[in-house]
């Protein structure tokens, strides 16, 4: 049986893949993240119609007993604005929906990594209307600090 990572690799250009999740002095560590995995640098992909986009899409491919993870990741060096973060993560969810095979069972999570986000902006991200839709469900945005591990929010 072919795992999800192999199936996705066939759908994207190898030039879009990255080993590190880092931009503008903000990074997310992949230590202890599901393996095998793919990390897609969305900025390397053609823009298409939507000008908003997240920075990375992480695809963690589990074996038959583990979850397959799809994580839209937005990195923010400075102040994170909820409306901008939501637009970028929602665009990431749309992109992930196009590249993940329809029959694949996945757990989706939108993540913003930022050192500086005002409590008012976090409050907006925690409202029900701010959930990010993916396929038949929707989930709240998880926030981690720059330089933290992605594994810390994968439950």
C-alpha atoms as a PDB file:
ATOM      1  CA  UNK A   1       0.000   0.000   0.000  1.00  0.00           C
ATOM      2  CA  UNK A   2       1.300   3.453  -0.918  1.00  0.00           C
ATOM      3  CA  UNK A   3       1.374   5.989   1.908  1.00  0.00           C
ATOM      4  CA  UNK A   4      -0.065   9.484   1.663  1.00  0.00           C
ATOM      5  CA  UNK A   5       3.352  11.127   1.206  1.00  0.00           C
ATOM      6  CA  UNK A   6       4.070   9.003  -1.865  1.00  0.00           C
ATOM      7  CA  UNK A   7       0.665   9.809  -3.303  1.00  0.00           C
ATOM      8  CA  UNK A   8       1.097  13.571  -2.766  1.00  0.00           C
ATOM      9  CA  UNK A   9       4.658  13.558  -4.141  1.00  0.00           C
ATOM     10  CA  UNK A  10       3.224  12.380  -7.465  1.00  0.00           C
ATOM     11  CA  UNK A  11       0.896  15.408  -7.549  1.00  0.00           C
ATOM     12  CA  UNK A  12       3.414  18.206  -6.963  1.00  0.00           C
ATOM     13  CA  UNK A  13       6.739  19.371  -8.358  1.00  0.00           C
ATOM     14  CA  UNK A  14       9.741  18.252  -6.270  1.00  0.00           C
ATOM     15  CA  UNK A  15      11.022  21.859  -6.412  1.00  0.00           C
ATOM     16  CA  UNK A  16       8.212  22.864  -4.022  1.00  0.00           C
ATOM     17  CA  UNK A  17       9.537  20.680  -1.210  1.00  0.00           C
ATOM     18  CA  UNK A  18      11.604  22.059   1.636  1.00  0.00           C
ATOM     19  CA  UNK A  19      13.567  20.547   4.509  1.00  0.00           C
ATOM     20  CA  UNK A  20      13.158  23.499   6.899  1.00  0.00           C
ATOM     21  CA  UNK A  21      10.115  25.498   7.964  1.00  0.00           C
ATOM     22  CA  UNK A  22      11.602  28.976   8.285  1.00  0.00           C
ATOM     23  CA  UNK A  23      10.949  32.492   6.933  1.00  0.00           C
ATOM     24  CA  UNK A  24      11.752  36.005   8.096  1.00  0.00           C
ATOM     25  CA  UNK A  25      13.354  35.041  11.432  1.00  0.00           C
ATOM     26  CA  UNK A  26      10.477  32.762  12.429  1.00  0.00           C
ATOM     27  CA  UNK A  27      10.731  29.004  12.228  1.00  0.00           C
ATOM     28  CA  UNK A  28       8.921  25.859  13.322  1.00  0.00           C
ATOM     29  CA  UNK A  29      10.994  22.844  14.288  1.00  0.00           C
ATOM     30  CA  UNK A  30      10.040  19.490  12.793  1.00  0.00           C
ATOM     31  CA  UNK A  31      11.741  17.454  15.533  1.00  0.00           C
ATOM     32  CA  UNK A  32       9.436  14.630  16.660  1.00  0.00           C
ATOM     33  CA  UNK A  33       6.946  15.430  13.869  1.00  0.00           C
ATOM     34  CA  UNK A  34       5.385  12.440  12.106  1.00  0.00           C
ATOM     35  CA  UNK A  35       7.785  10.742   9.736  1.00  0.00           C
ATOM     36  CA  UNK A  36       7.812  10.251   6.850  1.00  0.00           C
ATOM     37  CA  UNK A  37       6.600  13.711   6.009  1.00  0.00           C
ATOM     38  CA  UNK A  38       6.562  16.316   3.265  1.00  0.00           C
ATOM     39  CA  UNK A  39       6.994  20.044   3.756  1.00  0.00           C
ATOM     40  CA  UNK A  40       5.692  22.130   0.877  1.00  0.00           C
ATOM     41  CA  UNK A  41       6.983  25.693   0.585  1.00  0.00           C
ATOM     42  CA  UNK A  42       3.884  27.349  -0.824  1.00  0.00           C
ATOM     43  CA  UNK A  43       5.856  30.425  -1.969  1.00  0.00           C
ATOM     44  CA  UNK A  44       7.664  28.192  -4.482  1.00  0.00           C
ATOM     45  CA  UNK A  45       4.363  27.258  -6.126  1.00  0.00           C
ATOM     46  CA  UNK A  46       2.668  29.261  -8.911  1.00  0.00           C
ATOM     47  CA  UNK A  47       0.298  31.845  -7.425  1.00  0.00           C
ATOM     48  CA  UNK A  48      -2.877  31.124  -9.365  1.00  0.00           C
ATOM     49  CA  UNK A  49      -5.981  33.210  -8.622  1.00  0.00           C
ATOM     50  CA  UNK A  50      -5.699  33.594  -4.855  1.00  0.00           C
ATOM     51  CA  UNK A  51      -3.100  36.148  -3.756  1.00  0.00           C
ATOM     52  CA  UNK A  52      -3.362  35.065  -0.113  1.00  0.00           C
ATOM     53  CA  UNK A  53      -1.413  31.958   0.845  1.00  0.00           C
ATOM     54  CA  UNK A  54       0.091  30.329   3.883  1.00  0.00           C
ATOM     55  CA  UNK A  55       3.851  29.777   4.078  1.00  0.00           C
ATOM     56  CA  UNK A  56       3.991  25.971   4.289  1.00  0.00           C
ATOM     57  CA  UNK A  57       1.884  22.856   4.154  1.00  0.00           C
ATOM     58  CA  UNK A  58       3.154  19.990   6.278  1.00  0.00           C
ATOM     59  CA  UNK A  59       1.978  16.474   5.439  1.00  0.00           C
ATOM     60  CA  UNK A  60       2.781  13.868   8.055  1.00  0.00           C
ATOM     61  CA  UNK A  61       2.247  10.355   6.796  1.00  0.00           C
ATOM     62  CA  UNK A  62       1.445   7.766   9.409  1.00  0.00           C
ATOM     63  CA  UNK A  63       1.395   4.015   9.043  1.00  0.00           C
ATOM     64  CA  UNK A  64      -1.896   2.136   9.143  1.00  0.00           C
ATOM     65  CA  UNK A  65      -2.299   2.810  12.888  1.00  0.00           C
ATOM     66  CA  UNK A  66      -1.234   6.469  12.925  1.00  0.00           C
ATOM     67  CA  UNK A  67      -2.975   9.625  11.749  1.00  0.00           C
ATOM     68  CA  UNK A  68      -2.104  11.355   8.517  1.00  0.00           C
ATOM     69  CA  UNK A  69      -1.622  15.044   9.325  1.00  0.00           C
ATOM     70  CA  UNK A  70      -2.140  17.994   7.003  1.00  0.00           C
ATOM     71  CA  UNK A  71      -1.036  21.272   8.582  1.00  0.00           C
ATOM     72  CA  UNK A  72      -1.279  24.722   7.011  1.00  0.00           C
ATOM     73  CA  UNK A  73       1.464  26.840   8.606  1.00  0.00           C
ATOM     74  CA  UNK A  74       1.736  30.631   8.653  1.00  0.00           C
ATOM     75  CA  UNK A  75       4.912  32.192  10.080  1.00  0.00           C
ATOM     76  CA  UNK A  76       4.746  35.727  11.482  1.00  0.00           C
ATOM     77  CA  UNK A  77       7.882  37.523  12.612  1.00  0.00           C
ATOM     78  CA  UNK A  78       6.076  40.631  13.853  1.00  0.00           C
ATOM     79  CA  UNK A  79       2.550  41.392  15.030  1.00  0.00           C
ATOM     80  CA  UNK A  80       0.082  38.831  13.765  1.00  0.00           C
ATOM     81  CA  UNK A  81      -3.257  40.230  12.597  1.00  0.00           C
ATOM     82  CA  UNK A  82      -6.099  37.715  12.887  1.00  0.00           C
ATOM     83  CA  UNK A  83      -7.804  38.697   9.609  1.00  0.00           C
ATOM     84  CA  UNK A  84      -4.600  38.275   7.616  1.00  0.00           C
ATOM     85  CA  UNK A  85      -3.676  35.010   9.346  1.00  0.00           C
ATOM     86  CA  UNK A  86      -7.157  33.584   8.723  1.00  0.00           C
ATOM     87  CA  UNK A  87      -7.104  34.526   5.039  1.00  0.00           C
ATOM     88  CA  UNK A  88      -3.699  32.892   4.582  1.00  0.00           C
ATOM     89  CA  UNK A  89      -4.575  29.708   6.494  1.00  0.00           C
ATOM     90  CA  UNK A  90      -7.915  29.382   4.687  1.00  0.00           C
ATOM     91  CA  UNK A  91      -6.075  29.659   1.373  1.00  0.00           C
ATOM     92  CA  UNK A  92      -3.710  26.958   2.659  1.00  0.00           C
ATOM     93  CA  UNK A  93      -6.683  24.714   3.455  1.00  0.00           C
ATOM     94  CA  UNK A  94      -7.999  25.188  -0.099  1.00  0.00           C
ATOM     95  CA  UNK A  95      -4.602  24.327  -1.567  1.00  0.00           C
ATOM     96  CA  UNK A  96      -4.254  21.278   0.678  1.00  0.00           C
ATOM     97  CA  UNK A  97      -7.703  20.101  -0.399  1.00  0.00           C
ATOM     98  CA  UNK A  98      -6.549  20.191  -4.022  1.00  0.00           C
ATOM     99  CA  UNK A  99      -3.310  18.260  -3.482  1.00  0.00           C
ATOM    100  CA  UNK A 100      -4.488  15.650  -0.959  1.00  0.00           C
ATOM    101  CA  UNK A 101      -6.278  12.718  -2.635  1.00  0.00           C
ATOM    102  CA  UNK A 102     -10.024  12.782  -1.917  1.00  0.00           C
ATOM    103  CA  UNK A 103     -10.034   9.261  -0.492  1.00  0.00           C
ATOM    104  CA  UNK A 104      -7.232  10.006   2.009  1.00  0.00           C
ATOM    105  CA  UNK A 105      -8.172  10.087   5.680  1.00  0.00           C
ATOM    106  CA  UNK A 106      -6.398  13.072   7.250  1.00  0.00           C
ATOM    107  CA  UNK A 107      -6.422  15.235  10.346  1.00  0.00           C
ATOM    108  CA  UNK A 108      -6.222  18.919   9.332  1.00  0.00           C
ATOM    109  CA  UNK A 109      -4.788  21.674  11.521  1.00  0.00           C
ATOM    110  CA  UNK A 110      -4.138  25.367  10.765  1.00  0.00           C
ATOM    111  CA  UNK A 111      -1.166  26.761  12.731  1.00  0.00           C
ATOM    112  CA  UNK A 112       0.218  30.266  13.147  1.00  0.00           C
ATOM    113  CA  UNK A 113       3.725  30.604  14.553  1.00  0.00           C
ATOM    114  CA  UNK A 114       4.392  34.025  16.015  1.00  0.00           C
ATOM    115  CA  UNK A 115       6.309  35.542  18.895  1.00  0.00           C
ATOM    116  CA  UNK A 116       3.999  38.511  19.123  1.00  0.00           C
ATOM    117  CA  UNK A 117       0.232  38.303  18.933  1.00  0.00           C
ATOM    118  CA  UNK A 118      -2.015  40.615  20.928  1.00  0.00           C
ATOM    119  CA  UNK A 119      -4.647  39.034  23.156  1.00  0.00           C
ATOM    120  CA  UNK A 120      -7.372  40.819  21.147  1.00  0.00           C
ATOM    121  CA  UNK A 121      -6.141  39.108  17.969  1.00  0.00           C
ATOM    122  CA  UNK A 122      -6.003  35.729  19.748  1.00  0.00           C
ATOM    123  CA  UNK A 123      -9.568  36.315  20.909  1.00  0.00           C
ATOM    124  CA  UNK A 124     -10.648  36.757  17.292  1.00  0.00           C
ATOM    125  CA  UNK A 125      -8.887  33.521  16.309  1.00  0.00           C
ATOM    126  CA  UNK A 126     -10.747  31.647  19.062  1.00  0.00           C
ATOM    127  CA  UNK A 127     -14.229  32.693  17.869  1.00  0.00           C
ATOM    128  CA  UNK A 128     -16.350  30.037  16.214  1.00  0.00           C
ATOM    129  CA  UNK A 129     -16.608  32.168  13.055  1.00  0.00           C
ATOM    130  CA  UNK A 130     -12.807  32.041  12.756  1.00  0.00           C
ATOM    131  CA  UNK A 131     -12.605  28.288  12.334  1.00  0.00           C
ATOM    132  CA  UNK A 132     -10.809  27.127   9.189  1.00  0.00           C
ATOM    133  CA  UNK A 133     -12.825  24.798   6.964  1.00  0.00           C
ATOM    134  CA  UNK A 134     -11.276  21.708   5.449  1.00  0.00           C
ATOM    135  CA  UNK A 135     -13.429  19.262   3.548  1.00  0.00           C
ATOM    136  CA  UNK A 136     -16.354  18.275   5.793  1.00  0.00           C
ATOM    137  CA  UNK A 137     -15.095  19.884   8.985  1.00  0.00           C
ATOM    138  CA  UNK A 138     -13.630  23.018  10.495  1.00  0.00           C
ATOM    139  CA  UNK A 139     -11.045  23.614  13.217  1.00  0.00           C
ATOM    140  CA  UNK A 140      -9.684  26.441  15.312  1.00  0.00           C
ATOM    141  CA  UNK A 141      -6.272  27.931  14.555  1.00  0.00           C
ATOM    142  CA  UNK A 142      -3.521  26.715  16.873  1.00  0.00           C
ATOM    143  CA  UNK A 143      -0.834  29.194  17.880  1.00  0.00           C
ATOM    144  CA  UNK A 144       2.762  28.334  18.707  1.00  0.00           C
ATOM    145  CA  UNK A 145       5.771  30.548  19.243  1.00  0.00           C
ATOM    146  CA  UNK A 146       8.502  30.818  16.634  1.00  0.00           C
ATOM    147  CA  UNK A 147      11.230  28.194  17.134  1.00  0.00           C
ATOM    148  CA  UNK A 148       8.830  25.754  18.830  1.00  0.00           C
ATOM    149  CA  UNK A 149       8.118  22.247  17.594  1.00  0.00           C
ATOM    150  CA  UNK A 150       5.183  21.396  15.376  1.00  0.00           C
ATOM    151  CA  UNK A 151       4.781  18.157  17.337  1.00  0.00           C
ATOM    152  CA  UNK A 152       3.651  20.214  20.349  1.00  0.00           C
ATOM    153  CA  UNK A 153       0.250  20.865  18.695  1.00  0.00           C
ATOM    154  CA  UNK A 154      -0.265  17.533  16.937  1.00  0.00           C
ATOM    155  CA  UNK A 155      -2.482  15.544  19.288  1.00  0.00           C
END
